[in-house]
């Protein structure tokens, strides 16, 4: 599972070696000022919107890559079954390849992000 942390109003997501293959990134650093909306998602797999654009899916277990085909928002996704997730909707123009980040994160990180943004 990707490691998520919040330091000095910056969200840092670091991907494991296998996740890097599908997300095409080692890490993401998002200043919370670039987040339009942050919300905790209790069911990470159900929170994904649209169809897979690129990445990997083990049906009902995990998803990693880019989703959003057929929707207005592209998502960078890295989630696992049984783990809560955090959805970060980014300000327009912050990231060229995606509009949202959906990543499995410990409940404490999710609540911290939601509290900081509200």
PDB file of N, CA and C in Angstrom:
ATOM      1  N   UNK A   1       0.845  -1.178   0.000  1.00  0.00           N
ATOM      2  CA  UNK A   1       0.000   0.000   0.000  1.00  0.00           C
ATOM      3  C   UNK A   1       0.890   1.241   0.000  1.00  0.00           C
ATOM      4  N   UNK A   2       0.444   2.241  -0.713  1.00  0.00           N
ATOM      5  CA  UNK A   2       1.188   3.504  -0.768  1.00  0.00           C
ATOM      6  C   UNK A   2       1.277   4.106   0.633  1.00  0.00           C
ATOM      7  N   UNK A   3       2.399   4.727   0.920  1.00  0.00           N
ATOM      8  CA  UNK A   3       2.579   5.410   2.203  1.00  0.00           C
ATOM      9  C   UNK A   3       2.114   6.848   2.047  1.00  0.00           C
ATOM     10  N   UNK A   4       1.242   7.270   2.939  1.00  0.00           N
ATOM     11  CA  UNK A   4       0.730   8.640   2.893  1.00  0.00           C
ATOM     12  C   UNK A   4       1.072   9.341   4.197  1.00  0.00           C
ATOM     13  N   UNK A   5       1.400  10.619   4.074  1.00  0.00           N
ATOM     14  CA  UNK A   5       1.687  11.415   5.264  1.00  0.00           C
ATOM     15  C   UNK A   5       1.392  12.878   4.962  1.00  0.00           C
ATOM     16  N   UNK A   6       1.205  13.637   6.026  1.00  0.00           N
ATOM     17  CA  UNK A   6       0.967  15.076   5.914  1.00  0.00           C
ATOM     18  C   UNK A   6       2.015  15.782   6.763  1.00  0.00           C
ATOM     19  N   UNK A   7       2.774  16.676   6.118  1.00  0.00           N
ATOM     20  CA  UNK A   7       3.795  17.462   6.816  1.00  0.00           C
ATOM     21  C   UNK A   7       3.702  18.904   6.341  1.00  0.00           C
ATOM     22  N   UNK A   8       3.577  19.827   7.271  1.00  0.00           N
ATOM     23  CA  UNK A   8       3.553  21.260   6.945  1.00  0.00           C
ATOM     24  C   UNK A   8       2.545  21.602   5.846  1.00  0.00           C
ATOM     25  N   UNK A   9       1.342  21.092   5.983  1.00  0.00           N
ATOM     26  CA  UNK A   9       0.258  21.349   5.028  1.00  0.00           C
ATOM     27  C   UNK A   9       0.581  20.856   3.618  1.00  0.00           C
ATOM     28  N   UNK A  10       1.335  19.764   3.533  1.00  0.00           N
ATOM     29  CA  UNK A  10       1.655  19.132   2.252  1.00  0.00           C
ATOM     30  C   UNK A  10       1.365  17.642   2.380  1.00  0.00           C
ATOM     31  N   UNK A  11       0.587  17.105   1.438  1.00  0.00           N
ATOM     32  CA  UNK A  11       0.330  15.673   1.376  1.00  0.00           C
ATOM     33  C   UNK A  11       1.439  15.022   0.558  1.00  0.00           C
ATOM     34  N   UNK A  12       2.019  13.959   1.106  1.00  0.00           N
ATOM     35  CA  UNK A  12       3.054  13.207   0.401  1.00  0.00           C
ATOM     36  C   UNK A  12       2.566  11.772   0.259  1.00  0.00           C
ATOM     37  N   UNK A  13       2.531  11.284  -0.976  1.00  0.00           N
ATOM     38  CA  UNK A  13       2.159   9.902  -1.266  1.00  0.00           C
ATOM     39  C   UNK A  13       3.363   9.243  -1.923  1.00  0.00           C
ATOM     40  N   UNK A  14       3.863   8.185  -1.308  1.00  0.00           N
ATOM     41  CA  UNK A  14       5.004   7.448  -1.860  1.00  0.00           C
ATOM     42  C   UNK A  14       4.536   6.044  -2.232  1.00  0.00           C
ATOM     43  N   UNK A  15       4.781   5.666  -3.487  1.00  0.00           N
ATOM     44  CA  UNK A  15       4.301   4.392  -4.004  1.00  0.00           C
ATOM     45  C   UNK A  15       5.358   3.305  -3.860  1.00  0.00           C
ATOM     46  N   UNK A  16       4.895   2.076  -3.614  1.00  0.00           N
ATOM     47  CA  UNK A  16       5.806   0.934  -3.549  1.00  0.00           C
ATOM     48  C   UNK A  16       6.294   0.609  -4.962  1.00  0.00           C
ATOM     49  N   UNK A  17       7.248  -0.288  -5.058  1.00  0.00           N
ATOM     50  CA  UNK A  17       7.846  -0.614  -6.361  1.00  0.00           C
ATOM     51  C   UNK A  17       6.807  -1.105  -7.361  1.00  0.00           C
ATOM     52  N   UNK A  18       5.913  -2.009  -6.953  1.00  0.00           N
ATOM     53  CA  UNK A  18       4.931  -2.516  -7.915  1.00  0.00           C
ATOM     54  C   UNK A  18       3.902  -1.448  -8.271  1.00  0.00           C
ATOM     55  N   UNK A  19       3.560  -0.577  -7.329  1.00  0.00           N
ATOM     56  CA  UNK A  19       2.599   0.493  -7.609  1.00  0.00           C
ATOM     57  C   UNK A  19       3.177   1.499  -8.600  1.00  0.00           C
ATOM     58  N   UNK A  20       4.477   1.708  -8.553  1.00  0.00           N
ATOM     59  CA  UNK A  20       5.136   2.636  -9.486  1.00  0.00           C
ATOM     60  C   UNK A  20       4.956   2.198 -10.929  1.00  0.00           C
ATOM     61  N   UNK A  21       4.921   0.900 -11.153  1.00  0.00           N
ATOM     62  CA  UNK A  21       4.729   0.395 -12.515  1.00  0.00           C
ATOM     63  C   UNK A  21       3.424   0.899 -13.119  1.00  0.00           C
ATOM     64  N   UNK A  22       2.384   0.987 -12.298  1.00  0.00           N
ATOM     65  CA  UNK A  22       1.059   1.321 -12.801  1.00  0.00           C
ATOM     66  C   UNK A  22       0.693   2.791 -12.640  1.00  0.00           C
ATOM     67  N   UNK A  23       1.239   3.453 -11.634  1.00  0.00           N
ATOM     68  CA  UNK A  23       0.966   4.884 -11.460  1.00  0.00           C
ATOM     69  C   UNK A  23       1.964   5.736 -12.233  1.00  0.00           C
ATOM     70  N   UNK A  24       3.071   5.137 -12.619  1.00  0.00           N
ATOM     71  CA  UNK A  24       4.142   5.809 -13.358  1.00  0.00           C
ATOM     72  C   UNK A  24       4.731   6.973 -12.561  1.00  0.00           C
ATOM     73  N   UNK A  25       4.731   6.814 -11.246  1.00  0.00           N
ATOM     74  CA  UNK A  25       5.256   7.844 -10.353  1.00  0.00           C
ATOM     75  C   UNK A  25       5.873   7.190  -9.127  1.00  0.00           C
ATOM     76  N   UNK A  26       6.909   7.796  -8.623  1.00  0.00           N
ATOM     77  CA  UNK A  26       7.533   7.336  -7.381  1.00  0.00           C
ATOM     78  C   UNK A  26       6.812   7.959  -6.186  1.00  0.00           C
ATOM     79  N   UNK A  27       6.467   9.229  -6.337  1.00  0.00           N
ATOM     80  CA  UNK A  27       5.793   9.946  -5.255  1.00  0.00           C
ATOM     81  C   UNK A  27       5.002  11.103  -5.833  1.00  0.00           C
ATOM     82  N   UNK A  28       4.060  11.568  -5.040  1.00  0.00           N
ATOM     83  CA  UNK A  28       3.281  12.761  -5.366  1.00  0.00           C
ATOM     84  C   UNK A  28       3.369  13.676  -4.157  1.00  0.00           C
ATOM     85  N   UNK A  29       3.612  14.937  -4.411  1.00  0.00           N
ATOM     86  CA  UNK A  29       3.642  15.949  -3.358  1.00  0.00           C
ATOM     87  C   UNK A  29       2.582  16.984  -3.715  1.00  0.00           C
ATOM     88  N   UNK A  30       1.579  17.113  -2.855  1.00  0.00           N
ATOM     89  CA  UNK A  30       0.461  18.014  -3.126  1.00  0.00           C
ATOM     90  C   UNK A  30       0.319  19.012  -1.988  1.00  0.00           C
ATOM     91  N   UNK A  31       0.576  20.293  -2.245  1.00  0.00           N
ATOM     92  CA  UNK A  31       0.276  21.293  -1.212  1.00  0.00           C
ATOM     93  C   UNK A  31      -1.236  21.310  -0.982  1.00  0.00           C
ATOM     94  N   UNK A  32      -1.649  21.350   0.247  1.00  0.00           N
ATOM     95  CA  UNK A  32      -3.083  21.296   0.524  1.00  0.00           C
ATOM     96  C   UNK A  32      -3.823  22.508  -0.029  1.00  0.00           C
ATOM     97  N   UNK A  33      -3.103  23.566  -0.354  1.00  0.00           N
ATOM     98  CA  UNK A  33      -3.741  24.715  -0.998  1.00  0.00           C
ATOM     99  C   UNK A  33      -4.178  24.371  -2.421  1.00  0.00           C
ATOM    100  N   UNK A  34      -3.612  23.316  -3.011  1.00  0.00           N
ATOM    101  CA  UNK A  34      -3.991  22.886  -4.362  1.00  0.00           C
ATOM    102  C   UNK A  34      -5.175  21.926  -4.344  1.00  0.00           C
ATOM    103  N   UNK A  35      -5.633  21.558  -3.158  1.00  0.00           N
ATOM    104  CA  UNK A  35      -6.760  20.638  -3.029  1.00  0.00           C
ATOM    105  C   UNK A  35      -8.056  21.430  -2.914  1.00  0.00           C
ATOM    106  N   UNK A  36      -8.940  21.250  -3.889  1.00  0.00           N
ATOM    107  CA  UNK A  36     -10.248  21.912  -3.829  1.00  0.00           C
ATOM    108  C   UNK A  36     -11.151  21.244  -2.817  1.00  0.00           C
ATOM    109  N   UNK A  37     -11.052  19.918  -2.748  1.00  0.00           N
ATOM    110  CA  UNK A  37     -11.909  19.170  -1.832  1.00  0.00           C
ATOM    111  C   UNK A  37     -11.159  17.931  -1.359  1.00  0.00           C
ATOM    112  N   UNK A  38     -11.357  17.577  -0.104  1.00  0.00           N
ATOM    113  CA  UNK A  38     -10.769  16.364   0.464  1.00  0.00           C
ATOM    114  C   UNK A  38     -11.878  15.633   1.199  1.00  0.00           C
ATOM    115  N   UNK A  39     -12.008  14.334   0.923  1.00  0.00           N
ATOM    116  CA  UNK A  39     -13.018  13.577   1.649  1.00  0.00           C
ATOM    117  C   UNK A  39     -12.530  12.162   1.911  1.00  0.00           C
ATOM    118  N   UNK A  40     -12.922  11.639   3.062  1.00  0.00           N
ATOM    119  CA  UNK A  40     -12.604  10.262   3.419  1.00  0.00           C
ATOM    120  C   UNK A  40     -13.593   9.344   2.716  1.00  0.00           C
ATOM    121  N   UNK A  41     -13.104   8.219   2.225  1.00  0.00           N
ATOM    122  CA  UNK A  41     -13.933   7.222   1.548  1.00  0.00           C
ATOM    123  C   UNK A  41     -13.793   5.905   2.308  1.00  0.00           C
ATOM    124  N   UNK A  42     -14.863   5.435   2.954  1.00  0.00           N
ATOM    125  CA  UNK A  42     -14.755   4.199   3.732  1.00  0.00           C
ATOM    126  C   UNK A  42     -14.523   2.957   2.869  1.00  0.00           C
ATOM    127  N   UNK A  43     -15.050   2.945   1.645  1.00  0.00           N
ATOM    128  CA  UNK A  43     -14.872   1.809   0.733  1.00  0.00           C
ATOM    129  C   UNK A  43     -14.096   2.285  -0.486  1.00  0.00           C
ATOM    130  N   UNK A  44     -12.805   2.047  -0.478  1.00  0.00           N
ATOM    131  CA  UNK A  44     -11.919   2.584  -1.516  1.00  0.00           C
ATOM    132  C   UNK A  44     -12.277   2.093  -2.911  1.00  0.00           C
ATOM    133  N   UNK A  45     -12.551   0.804  -3.063  1.00  0.00           N
ATOM    134  CA  UNK A  45     -12.827   0.262  -4.396  1.00  0.00           C
ATOM    135  C   UNK A  45     -14.127   0.818  -4.974  1.00  0.00           C
ATOM    136  N   UNK A  46     -15.119   1.039  -4.124  1.00  0.00           N
ATOM    137  CA  UNK A  46     -16.396   1.571  -4.598  1.00  0.00           C
ATOM    138  C   UNK A  46     -16.313   3.053  -4.950  1.00  0.00           C
ATOM    139  N   UNK A  47     -15.289   3.739  -4.489  1.00  0.00           N
ATOM    140  CA  UNK A  47     -15.163   5.184  -4.706  1.00  0.00           C
ATOM    141  C   UNK A  47     -14.590   5.542  -6.075  1.00  0.00           C
ATOM    142  N   UNK A  48     -14.112   4.552  -6.815  1.00  0.00           N
ATOM    143  CA  UNK A  48     -13.508   4.823  -8.123  1.00  0.00           C
ATOM    144  C   UNK A  48     -14.601   5.129  -9.131  1.00  0.00           C
ATOM    145  N   UNK A  49     -14.346   6.133  -9.961  1.00  0.00           N
ATOM    146  CA  UNK A  49     -15.329   6.558 -10.968  1.00  0.00           C
ATOM    147  C   UNK A  49     -14.832   6.197 -12.363  1.00  0.00           C
ATOM    148  N   UNK A  50     -15.739   5.738 -13.193  1.00  0.00           N
ATOM    149  CA  UNK A  50     -15.401   5.467 -14.588  1.00  0.00           C
ATOM    150  C   UNK A  50     -14.633   4.172 -14.773  1.00  0.00           C
ATOM    151  N   UNK A  51     -14.141   4.013 -15.990  1.00  0.00           N
ATOM    152  CA  UNK A  51     -13.411   2.805 -16.358  1.00  0.00           C
ATOM    153  C   UNK A  51     -11.910   3.073 -16.377  1.00  0.00           C
ATOM    154  N   UNK A  52     -11.144   2.004 -16.357  1.00  0.00           N
ATOM    155  CA  UNK A  52      -9.682   2.100 -16.327  1.00  0.00           C
ATOM    156  C   UNK A  52      -9.149   2.673 -17.635  1.00  0.00           C
ATOM    157  N   UNK A  53      -8.246   3.619 -17.519  1.00  0.00           N
ATOM    158  CA  UNK A  53      -7.536   4.187 -18.664  1.00  0.00           C
ATOM    159  C   UNK A  53      -6.213   3.448 -18.832  1.00  0.00           C
ATOM    160  N   UNK A  54      -5.469   3.322 -17.753  1.00  0.00           N
ATOM    161  CA  UNK A  54      -4.195   2.595 -17.749  1.00  0.00           C
ATOM    162  C   UNK A  54      -3.937   2.127 -16.331  1.00  0.00           C
ATOM    163  N   UNK A  55      -3.341   0.968 -16.188  1.00  0.00           N
ATOM    164  CA  UNK A  55      -3.034   0.477 -14.855  1.00  0.00           C
ATOM    165  C   UNK A  55      -3.383  -0.979 -14.698  1.00  0.00           C
ATOM    166  N   UNK A  56      -3.561  -1.386 -13.452  1.00  0.00           N
ATOM    167  CA  UNK A  56      -3.824  -2.787 -13.135  1.00  0.00           C
ATOM    168  C   UNK A  56      -5.015  -2.891 -12.195  1.00  0.00           C
ATOM    169  N   UNK A  57      -5.727  -4.012 -12.342  1.00  0.00           N
ATOM    170  CA  UNK A  57      -6.869  -4.275 -11.481  1.00  0.00           C
ATOM    171  C   UNK A  57      -6.915  -5.765 -11.183  1.00  0.00           C
ATOM    172  N   UNK A  58      -6.953  -6.100  -9.912  1.00  0.00           N
ATOM    173  CA  UNK A  58      -7.254  -7.455  -9.483  1.00  0.00           C
ATOM    174  C   UNK A  58      -8.662  -7.341  -8.921  1.00  0.00           C
ATOM    175  N   UNK A  59      -9.632  -7.829  -9.685  1.00  0.00           N
ATOM    176  CA  UNK A  59     -11.040  -7.578  -9.405  1.00  0.00           C
ATOM    177  C   UNK A  59     -11.383  -7.853  -7.940  1.00  0.00           C
ATOM    178  N   UNK A  60     -11.927  -6.830  -7.300  1.00  0.00           N
ATOM    179  CA  UNK A  60     -12.360  -6.929  -5.916  1.00  0.00           C
ATOM    180  C   UNK A  60     -11.249  -6.880  -4.885  1.00  0.00           C
ATOM    181  N   UNK A  61      -9.988  -6.708  -5.332  1.00  0.00           N
ATOM    182  CA  UNK A  61      -8.869  -6.732  -4.393  1.00  0.00           C
ATOM    183  C   UNK A  61      -8.088  -5.426  -4.410  1.00  0.00           C
ATOM    184  N   UNK A  62      -7.646  -4.989  -5.593  1.00  0.00           N
ATOM    185  CA  UNK A  62      -6.861  -3.762  -5.676  1.00  0.00           C
ATOM    186  C   UNK A  62      -6.951  -3.148  -7.064  1.00  0.00           C
ATOM    187  N   UNK A  63      -6.674  -1.863  -7.106  1.00  0.00           N
ATOM    188  CA  UNK A  63      -6.617  -1.114  -8.360  1.00  0.00           C
ATOM    189  C   UNK A  63      -5.502  -0.086  -8.238  1.00  0.00           C
ATOM    190  N   UNK A  64      -4.701   0.034  -9.302  1.00  0.00           N
ATOM    191  CA  UNK A  64      -3.625   1.026  -9.325  1.00  0.00           C
ATOM    192  C   UNK A  64      -3.452   1.524 -10.746  1.00  0.00           C
ATOM    193  N   UNK A  65      -3.418   2.829 -10.918  1.00  0.00           N
ATOM    194  CA  UNK A  65      -3.243   3.413 -12.245  1.00  0.00           C
ATOM    195  C   UNK A  65      -4.144   4.618 -12.425  1.00  0.00           C
ATOM    196  N   UNK A  66      -4.673   4.743 -13.647  1.00  0.00           N
ATOM    197  CA  UNK A  66      -5.504   5.895 -13.997  1.00  0.00           C
ATOM    198  C   UNK A  66      -6.898   5.422 -14.386  1.00  0.00           C
ATOM    199  N   UNK A  67      -7.912   6.024 -13.774  1.00  0.00           N
ATOM    200  CA  UNK A  67      -9.306   5.702 -14.042  1.00  0.00           C
ATOM    201  C   UNK A  67     -10.023   6.979 -14.447  1.00  0.00           C
ATOM    202  N   UNK A  68     -11.251   6.833 -14.954  1.00  0.00           N
ATOM    203  CA  UNK A  68     -12.058   7.996 -15.273  1.00  0.00           C
ATOM    204  C   UNK A  68     -12.602   8.007 -16.681  1.00  0.00           C
ATOM    205  N   UNK A  69     -12.359   6.944 -17.455  1.00  0.00           N
ATOM    206  CA  UNK A  69     -12.893   6.880 -18.810  1.00  0.00           C
ATOM    207  C   UNK A  69     -14.415   6.947 -18.743  1.00  0.00           C
ATOM    208  N   UNK A  70     -15.006   7.867 -19.487  1.00  0.00           N
ATOM    209  CA  UNK A  70     -16.447   8.049 -19.465  1.00  0.00           C
ATOM    210  C   UNK A  70     -16.922   9.046 -18.423  1.00  0.00           C
ATOM    211  N   UNK A  71     -16.000   9.702 -17.740  1.00  0.00           N
ATOM    212  CA  UNK A  71     -16.364  10.722 -16.751  1.00  0.00           C
ATOM    213  C   UNK A  71     -15.638  12.017 -17.094  1.00  0.00           C
ATOM    214  N   UNK A  72     -15.939  13.054 -16.365  1.00  0.00           N
ATOM    215  CA  UNK A  72     -15.266  14.339 -16.577  1.00  0.00           C
ATOM    216  C   UNK A  72     -13.973  14.466 -15.785  1.00  0.00           C
ATOM    217  N   UNK A  73     -13.700  13.516 -14.906  1.00  0.00           N
ATOM    218  CA  UNK A  73     -12.521  13.623 -14.039  1.00  0.00           C
ATOM    219  C   UNK A  73     -11.638  12.391 -14.190  1.00  0.00           C
ATOM    220  N   UNK A  74     -10.357  12.631 -14.391  1.00  0.00           N
ATOM    221  CA  UNK A  74      -9.391  11.527 -14.404  1.00  0.00           C
ATOM    222  C   UNK A  74      -8.841  11.360 -13.000  1.00  0.00           C
ATOM    223  N   UNK A  75      -8.736  10.106 -12.577  1.00  0.00           N
ATOM    224  CA  UNK A  75      -8.273   9.811 -11.227  1.00  0.00           C
ATOM    225  C   UNK A  75      -6.961   9.045 -11.255  1.00  0.00           C
ATOM    226  N   UNK A  76      -6.037   9.446 -10.415  1.00  0.00           N
ATOM    227  CA  UNK A  76      -4.870   8.632 -10.105  1.00  0.00           C
ATOM    228  C   UNK A  76      -5.296   7.774  -8.926  1.00  0.00           C
ATOM    229  N   UNK A  77      -5.283   6.457  -9.105  1.00  0.00           N
ATOM    230  CA  UNK A  77      -5.854   5.531  -8.137  1.00  0.00           C
ATOM    231  C   UNK A  77      -4.787   4.567  -7.629  1.00  0.00           C
ATOM    232  N   UNK A  78      -4.801   4.327  -6.335  1.00  0.00           N
ATOM    233  CA  UNK A  78      -3.962   3.294  -5.728  1.00  0.00           C
ATOM    234  C   UNK A  78      -4.677   2.840  -4.455  1.00  0.00           C
ATOM    235  N   UNK A  79      -5.576   1.848  -4.599  1.00  0.00           N
ATOM    236  CA  UNK A  79      -6.427   1.442  -3.484  1.00  0.00           C
ATOM    237  C   UNK A  79      -6.457  -0.076  -3.335  1.00  0.00           C
ATOM    238  N   UNK A  80      -6.782  -0.502  -2.115  1.00  0.00           N
ATOM    239  CA  UNK A  80      -6.911  -1.921  -1.792  1.00  0.00           C
ATOM    240  C   UNK A  80      -8.204  -2.165  -1.031  1.00  0.00           C
ATOM    241  N   UNK A  81      -8.738  -3.370  -1.205  1.00  0.00           N
ATOM    242  CA  UNK A  81      -9.952  -3.777  -0.490  1.00  0.00           C
ATOM    243  C   UNK A  81      -9.687  -3.780   1.015  1.00  0.00           C
ATOM    244  N   UNK A  82     -10.699  -3.354   1.749  1.00  0.00           N
ATOM    245  CA  UNK A  82     -10.609  -3.385   3.200  1.00  0.00           C
ATOM    246  C   UNK A  82      -9.853  -2.233   3.825  1.00  0.00           C
ATOM    247  N   UNK A  83      -9.389  -1.307   2.994  1.00  0.00           N
ATOM    248  CA  UNK A  83      -8.670  -0.141   3.512  1.00  0.00           C
ATOM    249  C   UNK A  83      -9.456   1.119   3.167  1.00  0.00           C
ATOM    250  N   UNK A  84      -9.613   2.040   4.109  1.00  0.00           N
ATOM    251  CA  UNK A  84     -10.254   3.311   3.765  1.00  0.00           C
ATOM    252  C   UNK A  84      -9.346   4.100   2.827  1.00  0.00           C
ATOM    253  N   UNK A  85      -9.933   5.060   2.163  1.00  0.00           N
ATOM    254  CA  UNK A  85      -9.162   5.876   1.216  1.00  0.00           C
ATOM    255  C   UNK A  85      -9.456   7.344   1.453  1.00  0.00           C
ATOM    256  N   UNK A  86      -8.635   8.159   0.845  1.00  0.00           N
ATOM    257  CA  UNK A  86      -8.869   9.595   0.843  1.00  0.00           C
ATOM    258  C   UNK A  86      -8.918  10.044  -0.615  1.00  0.00           C
ATOM    259  N   UNK A  87      -9.921  10.866  -0.929  1.00  0.00           N
ATOM    260  CA  UNK A  87     -10.073  11.424  -2.276  1.00  0.00           C
ATOM    261  C   UNK A  87      -9.698  12.898  -2.207  1.00  0.00           C
ATOM    262  N   UNK A  88      -8.748  13.294  -3.043  1.00  0.00           N
ATOM    263  CA  UNK A  88      -8.324  14.690  -3.112  1.00  0.00           C
ATOM    264  C   UNK A  88      -8.664  15.200  -4.498  1.00  0.00           C
ATOM    265  N   UNK A  89      -9.580  16.159  -4.573  1.00  0.00           N
ATOM    266  CA  UNK A  89      -9.913  16.803  -5.838  1.00  0.00           C
ATOM    267  C   UNK A  89      -8.998  18.009  -5.972  1.00  0.00           C
ATOM    268  N   UNK A  90      -8.236  18.032  -7.056  1.00  0.00           N
ATOM    269  CA  UNK A  90      -7.208  19.059  -7.235  1.00  0.00           C
ATOM    270  C   UNK A  90      -7.741  20.293  -7.944  1.00  0.00           C
ATOM    271  N   UNK A  91      -7.111  21.404  -7.695  1.00  0.00           N
ATOM    272  CA  UNK A  91      -7.438  22.649  -8.394  1.00  0.00           C
ATOM    273  C   UNK A  91      -7.113  22.475  -9.873  1.00  0.00           C
ATOM    274  N   UNK A  92      -7.901  23.089 -10.752  1.00  0.00           N
ATOM    275  CA  UNK A  92      -7.632  22.968 -12.190  1.00  0.00           C
ATOM    276  C   UNK A  92      -6.207  23.403 -12.521  1.00  0.00           C
ATOM    277  N   UNK A  93      -5.544  22.605 -13.347  1.00  0.00           N
ATOM    278  CA  UNK A  93      -4.208  22.948 -13.797  1.00  0.00           C
ATOM    279  C   UNK A  93      -3.083  22.515 -12.879  1.00  0.00           C
ATOM    280  N   UNK A  94      -3.405  21.937 -11.715  1.00  0.00           N
ATOM    281  CA  UNK A  94      -2.327  21.521 -10.812  1.00  0.00           C
ATOM    282  C   UNK A  94      -1.543  20.339 -11.381  1.00  0.00           C
ATOM    283  N   UNK A  95      -2.256  19.342 -11.890  1.00  0.00           N
ATOM    284  CA  UNK A  95      -1.600  18.158 -12.468  1.00  0.00           C
ATOM    285  C   UNK A  95      -2.171  17.925 -13.858  1.00  0.00           C
ATOM    286  N   UNK A  96      -1.308  17.694 -14.813  1.00  0.00           N
ATOM    287  CA  UNK A  96      -1.745  17.557 -16.200  1.00  0.00           C
ATOM    288  C   UNK A  96      -2.472  16.241 -16.469  1.00  0.00           C
ATOM    289  N   UNK A  97      -2.079  15.151 -15.817  1.00  0.00           N
ATOM    290  CA  UNK A  97      -2.625  13.840 -16.153  1.00  0.00           C
ATOM    291  C   UNK A  97      -3.842  13.427 -15.346  1.00  0.00           C
ATOM    292  N   UNK A  98      -4.151  14.119 -14.254  1.00  0.00           N
ATOM    293  CA  UNK A  98      -5.283  13.697 -13.441  1.00  0.00           C
ATOM    294  C   UNK A  98      -5.882  14.879 -12.689  1.00  0.00           C
ATOM    295  N   UNK A  99      -7.166  14.718 -12.347  1.00  0.00           N
ATOM    296  CA  UNK A  99      -7.920  15.748 -11.637  1.00  0.00           C
ATOM    297  C   UNK A  99      -8.136  15.397 -10.168  1.00  0.00           C
ATOM    298  N   UNK A 100      -8.057  14.103  -9.867  1.00  0.00           N
ATOM    299  CA  UNK A 100      -8.279  13.619  -8.507  1.00  0.00           C
ATOM    300  C   UNK A 100      -7.236  12.568  -8.161  1.00  0.00           C
ATOM    301  N   UNK A 101      -6.987  12.449  -6.878  1.00  0.00           N
ATOM    302  CA  UNK A 101      -6.148  11.373  -6.359  1.00  0.00           C
ATOM    303  C   UNK A 101      -7.029  10.575  -5.411  1.00  0.00           C
ATOM    304  N   UNK A 102      -7.054   9.265  -5.594  1.00  0.00           N
ATOM    305  CA  UNK A 102      -7.777   8.379  -4.689  1.00  0.00           C
ATOM    306  C   UNK A 102      -6.778   7.332  -4.222  1.00  0.00           C
ATOM    307  N   UNK A 103      -6.423   7.387  -2.956  1.00  0.00           N
ATOM    308  CA  UNK A 103      -5.368   6.511  -2.445  1.00  0.00           C
ATOM    309  C   UNK A 103      -5.781   5.934  -1.096  1.00  0.00           C
ATOM    310  N   UNK A 104      -5.525   4.634  -0.923  1.00  0.00           N
ATOM    311  CA  UNK A 104      -5.760   4.022   0.384  1.00  0.00           C
ATOM    312  C   UNK A 104      -4.845   4.691   1.393  1.00  0.00           C
ATOM    313  N   UNK A 105      -5.421   5.027   2.521  1.00  0.00           N
ATOM    314  CA  UNK A 105      -4.653   5.734   3.550  1.00  0.00           C
ATOM    315  C   UNK A 105      -5.197   5.339   4.912  1.00  0.00           C
ATOM    316  N   UNK A 106      -4.340   5.323   5.907  1.00  0.00           N
ATOM    317  CA  UNK A 106      -4.840   5.061   7.257  1.00  0.00           C
ATOM    318  C   UNK A 106      -5.919   6.079   7.632  1.00  0.00           C
ATOM    319  N   UNK A 107      -6.837   5.651   8.446  1.00  0.00           N
ATOM    320  CA  UNK A 107      -7.934   6.522   8.862  1.00  0.00           C
ATOM    321  C   UNK A 107      -7.416   7.823   9.460  1.00  0.00           C
ATOM    322  N   UNK A 108      -6.336   7.758  10.204  1.00  0.00           N
ATOM    323  CA  UNK A 108      -5.781   8.966  10.830  1.00  0.00           C
ATOM    324  C   UNK A 108      -5.357   9.992   9.787  1.00  0.00           C
ATOM    325  N   UNK A 109      -4.738   9.541   8.705  1.00  0.00           N
ATOM    326  CA  UNK A 109      -4.323  10.461   7.642  1.00  0.00           C
ATOM    327  C   UNK A 109      -5.548  11.069   6.974  1.00  0.00           C
ATOM    328  N   UNK A 110      -6.551  10.241   6.688  1.00  0.00           N
ATOM    329  CA  UNK A 110      -7.778  10.746   6.066  1.00  0.00           C
ATOM    330  C   UNK A 110      -8.424  11.824   6.918  1.00  0.00           C
ATOM    331  N   UNK A 111      -8.549  11.553   8.208  1.00  0.00           N
ATOM    332  CA  UNK A 111      -9.181  12.530   9.099  1.00  0.00           C
ATOM    333  C   UNK A 111      -8.342  13.793   9.234  1.00  0.00           C
ATOM    334  N   UNK A 112      -7.030  13.652   9.235  1.00  0.00           N
ATOM    335  CA  UNK A 112      -6.152  14.820   9.304  1.00  0.00           C
ATOM    336  C   UNK A 112      -6.337  15.697   8.080  1.00  0.00           C
ATOM    337  N   UNK A 113      -6.363  15.086   6.903  1.00  0.00           N
ATOM    338  CA  UNK A 113      -6.537  15.854   5.671  1.00  0.00           C
ATOM    339  C   UNK A 113      -7.875  16.568   5.642  1.00  0.00           C
ATOM    340  N   UNK A 114      -8.930  15.858   6.005  1.00  0.00           N
ATOM    341  CA  UNK A 114     -10.260  16.471   6.011  1.00  0.00           C
ATOM    342  C   UNK A 114     -10.302  17.620   7.010  1.00  0.00           C
ATOM    343  N   UNK A 115      -9.722  17.435   8.180  1.00  0.00           N
ATOM    344  CA  UNK A 115      -9.728  18.483   9.206  1.00  0.00           C
ATOM    345  C   UNK A 115      -8.935  19.708   8.767  1.00  0.00           C
ATOM    346  N   UNK A 116      -7.807  19.497   8.117  1.00  0.00           N
ATOM    347  CA  UNK A 116      -6.969  20.616   7.687  1.00  0.00           C
ATOM    348  C   UNK A 116      -7.657  21.418   6.592  1.00  0.00           C
ATOM    349  N   UNK A 117      -8.368  20.750   5.693  1.00  0.00           N
ATOM    350  CA  UNK A 117      -8.995  21.430   4.560  1.00  0.00           C
ATOM    351  C   UNK A 117     -10.326  22.076   4.911  1.00  0.00           C
ATOM    352  N   UNK A 118     -10.933  21.748   6.045  1.00  0.00           N
ATOM    353  CA  UNK A 118     -12.235  22.342   6.368  1.00  0.00           C
ATOM    354  C   UNK A 118     -12.093  23.468   7.350  1.00  0.00           C
TER     355      UNK A 118
END
